[in-house]
Amino acid sequence: MIAEPSPEQIARWRQQLAFKGQGLYAALSDVLAGKNVTLTTLKLPHEQKPGERPEERLRRFLDQVSRAQKRLGTPAWGLCPRCQAPVPEVVLDEAPWTETCSACQ
């Protein structure tokens, strides 16, 4: 776990995750409704996999945000699931859905 986050940090991360999740859900709804959605404005963290449809990519990132929401406030928060190294706090402040450290990305 990273250094014990303050209640303010947890609240900020929780808010960022909720906001990102809402935006992704809205975009996914639009894609499924057949609307033209530009995914570049959503700043998705993953490259599109070959043959991956936009709704698959959105669902993949929405799942990542959901996992981060579940980890927030647990001992797993801020630790890379691959190597258990801490994800830098500055990275979590910018993108709290980040799962892996830079070495494992």
N, C-alpha and C. Protein backbone atom coordinates (compact mmCIF):
# COMPACT_ATOMS: atom_id res chain seq x y z
N MET A 1 0.84 -1.17 0.00
CA MET A 1 0.00 0.00 0.00
C MET A 1 0.89 1.24 0.00
N ILE A 2 0.42 2.28 -0.63
CA ILE A 2 1.15 3.54 -0.59
C ILE A 2 1.02 4.12 0.81
N ALA A 3 1.72 5.21 1.07
CA ALA A 3 1.58 5.86 2.37
C ALA A 3 0.10 6.08 2.64
N GLU A 4 -0.28 5.97 3.89
CA GLU A 4 -1.70 6.08 4.26
C GLU A 4 -2.31 7.35 3.64
N PRO A 5 -3.25 7.17 2.71
CA PRO A 5 -3.85 8.36 2.08
C PRO A 5 -4.74 9.10 3.07
N SER A 6 -4.80 10.39 2.90
CA SER A 6 -5.65 11.21 3.77
C SER A 6 -7.11 11.05 3.34
N PRO A 7 -8.02 11.37 4.23
CA PRO A 7 -9.43 11.32 3.84
C PRO A 7 -9.74 12.21 2.64
N GLU A 8 -9.02 13.32 2.53
CA GLU A 8 -9.22 14.22 1.39
C GLU A 8 -8.77 13.57 0.08
N GLN A 9 -7.64 12.85 0.13
CA GLN A 9 -7.17 12.15 -1.07
C GLN A 9 -8.17 11.07 -1.48
N ILE A 10 -8.63 10.30 -0.51
CA ILE A 10 -9.59 9.24 -0.81
C ILE A 10 -10.85 9.84 -1.42
N ALA A 11 -11.33 10.93 -0.85
CA ALA A 11 -12.54 11.58 -1.38
C ALA A 11 -12.30 12.08 -2.80
N ARG A 12 -11.12 12.66 -3.04
CA ARG A 12 -10.81 13.17 -4.38
C ARG A 12 -10.72 12.03 -5.39
N TRP A 13 -10.02 10.95 -5.01
CA TRP A 13 -9.90 9.80 -5.91
C TRP A 13 -11.27 9.18 -6.17
N ARG A 14 -12.09 9.07 -5.12
CA ARG A 14 -13.43 8.51 -5.28
C ARG A 14 -14.26 9.35 -6.27
N GLN A 15 -14.14 10.67 -6.14
CA GLN A 15 -14.86 11.57 -7.03
C GLN A 15 -14.35 11.45 -8.47
N GLN A 16 -13.03 11.39 -8.64
CA GLN A 16 -12.47 11.25 -9.98
C GLN A 16 -12.92 9.94 -10.63
N LEU A 17 -12.92 8.86 -9.86
CA LEU A 17 -13.34 7.57 -10.38
C LEU A 17 -14.82 7.59 -10.77
N ALA A 18 -15.65 8.19 -9.93
CA ALA A 18 -17.08 8.27 -10.23
C ALA A 18 -17.32 9.10 -11.49
N PHE A 19 -16.62 10.23 -11.60
CA PHE A 19 -16.79 11.09 -12.77
C PHE A 19 -16.36 10.37 -14.05
N LYS A 20 -15.21 9.69 -13.99
CA LYS A 20 -14.72 8.96 -15.16
C LYS A 20 -15.69 7.83 -15.52
N GLY A 21 -16.17 7.12 -14.51
CA GLY A 21 -17.13 6.04 -14.75
C GLY A 21 -18.40 6.54 -15.40
N GLN A 22 -18.90 7.68 -14.95
CA GLN A 22 -20.11 8.25 -15.55
C GLN A 22 -19.88 8.62 -17.01
N GLY A 23 -18.73 9.21 -17.30
CA GLY A 23 -18.42 9.58 -18.68
C GLY A 23 -18.29 8.37 -19.58
N LEU A 24 -17.66 7.32 -19.07
CA LEU A 24 -17.52 6.09 -19.85
C LEU A 24 -18.87 5.42 -20.09
N TYR A 25 -19.69 5.40 -19.05
CA TYR A 25 -21.01 4.79 -19.18
C TYR A 25 -21.85 5.56 -20.21
N ALA A 26 -21.78 6.88 -20.17
CA ALA A 26 -22.53 7.70 -21.15
C ALA A 26 -22.02 7.43 -22.57
N ALA A 27 -20.71 7.36 -22.73
CA ALA A 27 -20.15 7.08 -24.05
C ALA A 27 -20.54 5.69 -24.53
N LEU A 28 -20.51 4.72 -23.64
CA LEU A 28 -20.89 3.36 -24.00
C LEU A 28 -22.37 3.32 -24.41
N SER A 29 -23.20 4.01 -23.68
CA SER A 29 -24.63 4.08 -24.03
C SER A 29 -24.81 4.68 -25.41
N ASP A 30 -24.07 5.75 -25.71
CA ASP A 30 -24.16 6.38 -27.02
C ASP A 30 -23.69 5.44 -28.13
N VAL A 31 -22.58 4.75 -27.89
CA VAL A 31 -22.07 3.80 -28.89
C VAL A 31 -23.09 2.70 -29.15
N LEU A 32 -23.66 2.16 -28.09
CA LEU A 32 -24.64 1.09 -28.24
C LEU A 32 -25.93 1.57 -28.91
N ALA A 33 -26.21 2.88 -28.80
CA ALA A 33 -27.38 3.47 -29.46
C ALA A 33 -27.09 3.83 -30.91
N GLY A 34 -25.85 3.56 -31.36
CA GLY A 34 -25.49 3.83 -32.75
C GLY A 34 -25.01 5.24 -33.02
N LYS A 35 -24.76 6.01 -31.97
CA LYS A 35 -24.26 7.37 -32.15
C LYS A 35 -22.77 7.34 -32.42
N ASN A 36 -22.30 8.36 -33.11
CA ASN A 36 -20.88 8.49 -33.42
C ASN A 36 -20.17 9.10 -32.21
N VAL A 37 -19.26 8.38 -31.61
CA VAL A 37 -18.54 8.84 -30.42
C VAL A 37 -17.05 8.86 -30.73
N THR A 38 -16.40 9.96 -30.38
CA THR A 38 -14.96 10.08 -30.56
C THR A 38 -14.29 9.65 -29.26
N LEU A 39 -13.63 8.51 -29.29
CA LEU A 39 -13.03 7.96 -28.07
C LEU A 39 -11.78 8.71 -27.63
N THR A 40 -11.15 9.44 -28.52
CA THR A 40 -9.91 10.14 -28.15
C THR A 40 -10.17 11.20 -27.08
N THR A 41 -11.36 11.76 -27.03
CA THR A 41 -11.66 12.79 -26.03
C THR A 41 -11.80 12.19 -24.64
N LEU A 42 -11.99 10.87 -24.55
CA LEU A 42 -12.15 10.21 -23.25
C LEU A 42 -10.83 9.86 -22.59
N LYS A 43 -9.74 9.99 -23.32
CA LYS A 43 -8.40 9.69 -22.80
C LYS A 43 -8.34 8.28 -22.22
N LEU A 44 -8.69 7.30 -23.04
CA LEU A 44 -8.64 5.91 -22.61
C LEU A 44 -7.20 5.49 -22.43
N PRO A 45 -6.89 4.74 -21.38
CA PRO A 45 -5.50 4.43 -21.08
C PRO A 45 -4.90 3.31 -21.92
N HIS A 46 -5.72 2.54 -22.57
CA HIS A 46 -5.21 1.39 -23.31
C HIS A 46 -5.28 1.64 -24.81
N GLU A 47 -4.33 1.08 -25.50
CA GLU A 47 -4.40 1.07 -26.94
C GLU A 47 -5.52 0.12 -27.36
N GLN A 48 -6.09 0.41 -28.49
CA GLN A 48 -7.13 -0.48 -29.00
C GLN A 48 -6.48 -1.78 -29.47
N LYS A 49 -7.07 -2.90 -29.05
CA LYS A 49 -6.57 -4.20 -29.48
C LYS A 49 -7.03 -4.46 -30.90
N PRO A 50 -6.27 -5.22 -31.67
CA PRO A 50 -6.68 -5.52 -33.06
C PRO A 50 -8.07 -6.16 -33.07
N GLY A 51 -8.95 -5.59 -33.87
CA GLY A 51 -10.30 -6.11 -34.02
C GLY A 51 -11.25 -5.73 -32.90
N GLU A 52 -10.78 -4.96 -31.94
CA GLU A 52 -11.63 -4.58 -30.81
C GLU A 52 -12.61 -3.48 -31.24
N ARG A 53 -13.87 -3.71 -30.94
CA ARG A 53 -14.90 -2.72 -31.25
C ARG A 53 -14.89 -1.63 -30.18
N PRO A 54 -15.37 -0.43 -30.51
CA PRO A 54 -15.39 0.66 -29.53
C PRO A 54 -16.09 0.29 -28.22
N GLU A 55 -17.20 -0.42 -28.31
CA GLU A 55 -17.91 -0.78 -27.08
C GLU A 55 -17.10 -1.74 -26.22
N GLU A 56 -16.29 -2.59 -26.85
CA GLU A 56 -15.43 -3.49 -26.09
C GLU A 56 -14.35 -2.71 -25.35
N ARG A 57 -13.79 -1.73 -26.03
CA ARG A 57 -12.75 -0.91 -25.41
C ARG A 57 -13.31 -0.10 -24.25
N LEU A 58 -14.50 0.46 -24.44
CA LEU A 58 -15.14 1.22 -23.37
C LEU A 58 -15.46 0.33 -22.18
N ARG A 59 -15.96 -0.87 -22.45
CA ARG A 59 -16.28 -1.80 -21.36
C ARG A 59 -15.01 -2.20 -20.60
N ARG A 60 -13.92 -2.39 -21.33
CA ARG A 60 -12.65 -2.77 -20.70
C ARG A 60 -12.17 -1.67 -19.74
N PHE A 61 -12.28 -0.43 -20.16
CA PHE A 61 -11.85 0.67 -19.30
C PHE A 61 -12.85 0.87 -18.16
N LEU A 62 -14.14 0.71 -18.43
CA LEU A 62 -15.14 0.82 -17.38
C LEU A 62 -14.90 -0.24 -16.30
N ASP A 63 -14.52 -1.43 -16.72
CA ASP A 63 -14.16 -2.49 -15.75
C ASP A 63 -12.95 -2.08 -14.92
N GLN A 64 -11.97 -1.44 -15.55
CA GLN A 64 -10.78 -1.00 -14.83
C GLN A 64 -11.15 0.05 -13.78
N VAL A 65 -12.02 0.98 -14.15
CA VAL A 65 -12.46 2.01 -13.20
C VAL A 65 -13.22 1.36 -12.05
N SER A 66 -14.06 0.39 -12.36
CA SER A 66 -14.81 -0.31 -11.33
C SER A 66 -13.88 -1.06 -10.37
N ARG A 67 -12.86 -1.70 -10.91
CA ARG A 67 -11.89 -2.40 -10.04
C ARG A 67 -11.18 -1.40 -9.12
N ALA A 68 -10.84 -0.24 -9.65
CA ALA A 68 -10.17 0.78 -8.83
C ALA A 68 -11.11 1.27 -7.72
N GLN A 69 -12.39 1.43 -8.03
CA GLN A 69 -13.34 1.85 -7.01
C GLN A 69 -13.42 0.82 -5.88
N LYS A 70 -13.36 -0.45 -6.24
CA LYS A 70 -13.42 -1.51 -5.24
C LYS A 70 -12.14 -1.58 -4.40
N ARG A 71 -10.98 -1.27 -5.01
CA ARG A 71 -9.69 -1.33 -4.29
C ARG A 71 -9.48 -0.13 -3.38
N LEU A 72 -10.07 1.01 -3.73
CA LEU A 72 -9.84 2.24 -2.97
C LEU A 72 -10.21 2.03 -1.50
N GLY A 73 -9.29 2.31 -0.63
CA GLY A 73 -9.51 2.15 0.79
C GLY A 73 -9.14 0.77 1.32
N THR A 74 -8.64 -0.11 0.45
CA THR A 74 -8.20 -1.44 0.88
C THR A 74 -6.67 -1.49 0.84
N PRO A 75 -6.06 -2.52 1.43
CA PRO A 75 -4.60 -2.65 1.36
C PRO A 75 -4.08 -2.81 -0.07
N ALA A 76 -4.93 -3.23 -1.00
CA ALA A 76 -4.50 -3.40 -2.40
C ALA A 76 -4.39 -2.08 -3.14
N TRP A 77 -4.96 -1.01 -2.58
CA TRP A 77 -4.95 0.29 -3.26
C TRP A 77 -3.53 0.79 -3.44
N GLY A 78 -3.20 1.17 -4.67
CA GLY A 78 -1.91 1.76 -4.95
C GLY A 78 -0.78 0.78 -5.15
N LEU A 79 -1.09 -0.52 -5.16
CA LEU A 79 -0.06 -1.53 -5.39
C LEU A 79 -0.27 -2.18 -6.75
N CYS A 80 0.80 -2.34 -7.47
CA CYS A 80 0.76 -3.03 -8.75
C CYS A 80 0.38 -4.49 -8.51
N PRO A 81 -0.65 -5.02 -9.18
CA PRO A 81 -1.04 -6.41 -8.95
C PRO A 81 -0.01 -7.42 -9.47
N ARG A 82 0.87 -6.98 -10.34
CA ARG A 82 1.87 -7.89 -10.92
C ARG A 82 3.09 -8.05 -10.03
N CYS A 83 3.61 -6.93 -9.54
CA CYS A 83 4.88 -6.99 -8.79
C CYS A 83 4.77 -6.47 -7.36
N GLN A 84 3.61 -5.94 -7.01
CA GLN A 84 3.34 -5.38 -5.68
C GLN A 84 4.11 -4.10 -5.38
N ALA A 85 4.73 -3.50 -6.39
CA ALA A 85 5.39 -2.20 -6.20
C ALA A 85 4.32 -1.12 -6.09
N PRO A 86 4.60 -0.07 -5.33
CA PRO A 86 3.61 1.00 -5.23
C PRO A 86 3.53 1.81 -6.53
N VAL A 87 2.31 2.14 -6.90
CA VAL A 87 2.08 3.06 -8.02
C VAL A 87 2.30 4.46 -7.44
N PRO A 88 3.12 5.30 -8.05
CA PRO A 88 3.40 6.62 -7.48
C PRO A 88 2.12 7.42 -7.23
N GLU A 89 2.11 8.09 -6.10
CA GLU A 89 0.96 8.89 -5.71
C GLU A 89 0.61 9.94 -6.76
N VAL A 90 1.63 10.52 -7.38
CA VAL A 90 1.39 11.53 -8.40
C VAL A 90 0.62 10.92 -9.58
N VAL A 91 0.88 9.67 -9.89
CA VAL A 91 0.16 8.96 -10.96
C VAL A 91 -1.29 8.74 -10.54
N LEU A 92 -1.49 8.31 -9.30
CA LEU A 92 -2.84 8.09 -8.80
C LEU A 92 -3.63 9.39 -8.73
N ASP A 93 -2.95 10.49 -8.41
CA ASP A 93 -3.62 11.78 -8.38
C ASP A 93 -4.11 12.18 -9.76
N GLU A 94 -3.33 11.84 -10.78
CA GLU A 94 -3.69 12.18 -12.16
C GLU A 94 -4.70 11.20 -12.75
N ALA A 95 -4.54 9.92 -12.44
CA ALA A 95 -5.39 8.87 -13.02
C ALA A 95 -5.58 7.75 -11.99
N PRO A 96 -6.52 7.91 -11.07
CA PRO A 96 -6.65 6.93 -9.99
C PRO A 96 -7.07 5.53 -10.44
N TRP A 97 -7.41 5.37 -11.69
CA TRP A 97 -7.75 4.05 -12.23
C TRP A 97 -6.51 3.28 -12.66
N THR A 98 -5.33 3.89 -12.55
CA THR A 98 -4.10 3.22 -12.94
C THR A 98 -3.89 1.99 -12.07
N GLU A 99 -3.65 0.86 -12.71
CA GLU A 99 -3.50 -0.39 -11.97
C GLU A 99 -2.05 -0.81 -11.79
N THR A 100 -1.22 -0.65 -12.80
CA THR A 100 0.12 -1.19 -12.75
C THR A 100 1.17 -0.09 -12.63
N CYS A 101 2.31 -0.47 -12.10
CA CYS A 101 3.44 0.47 -12.02
C CYS A 101 4.01 0.66 -13.43
N SER A 102 4.85 1.64 -13.58
CA SER A 102 5.41 1.94 -14.90
C SER A 102 6.28 0.80 -15.42
N ALA A 103 6.95 0.08 -14.53
CA ALA A 103 7.81 -1.04 -14.97
C ALA A 103 6.99 -2.19 -15.55
N CYS A 104 5.78 -2.38 -15.06
CA CYS A 104 4.95 -3.51 -15.53
C CYS A 104 4.01 -3.14 -16.68
N GLN A 105 3.94 -1.88 -17.02
CA GLN A 105 3.02 -1.48 -18.09
C GLN A 105 3.44 -1.97 -19.43
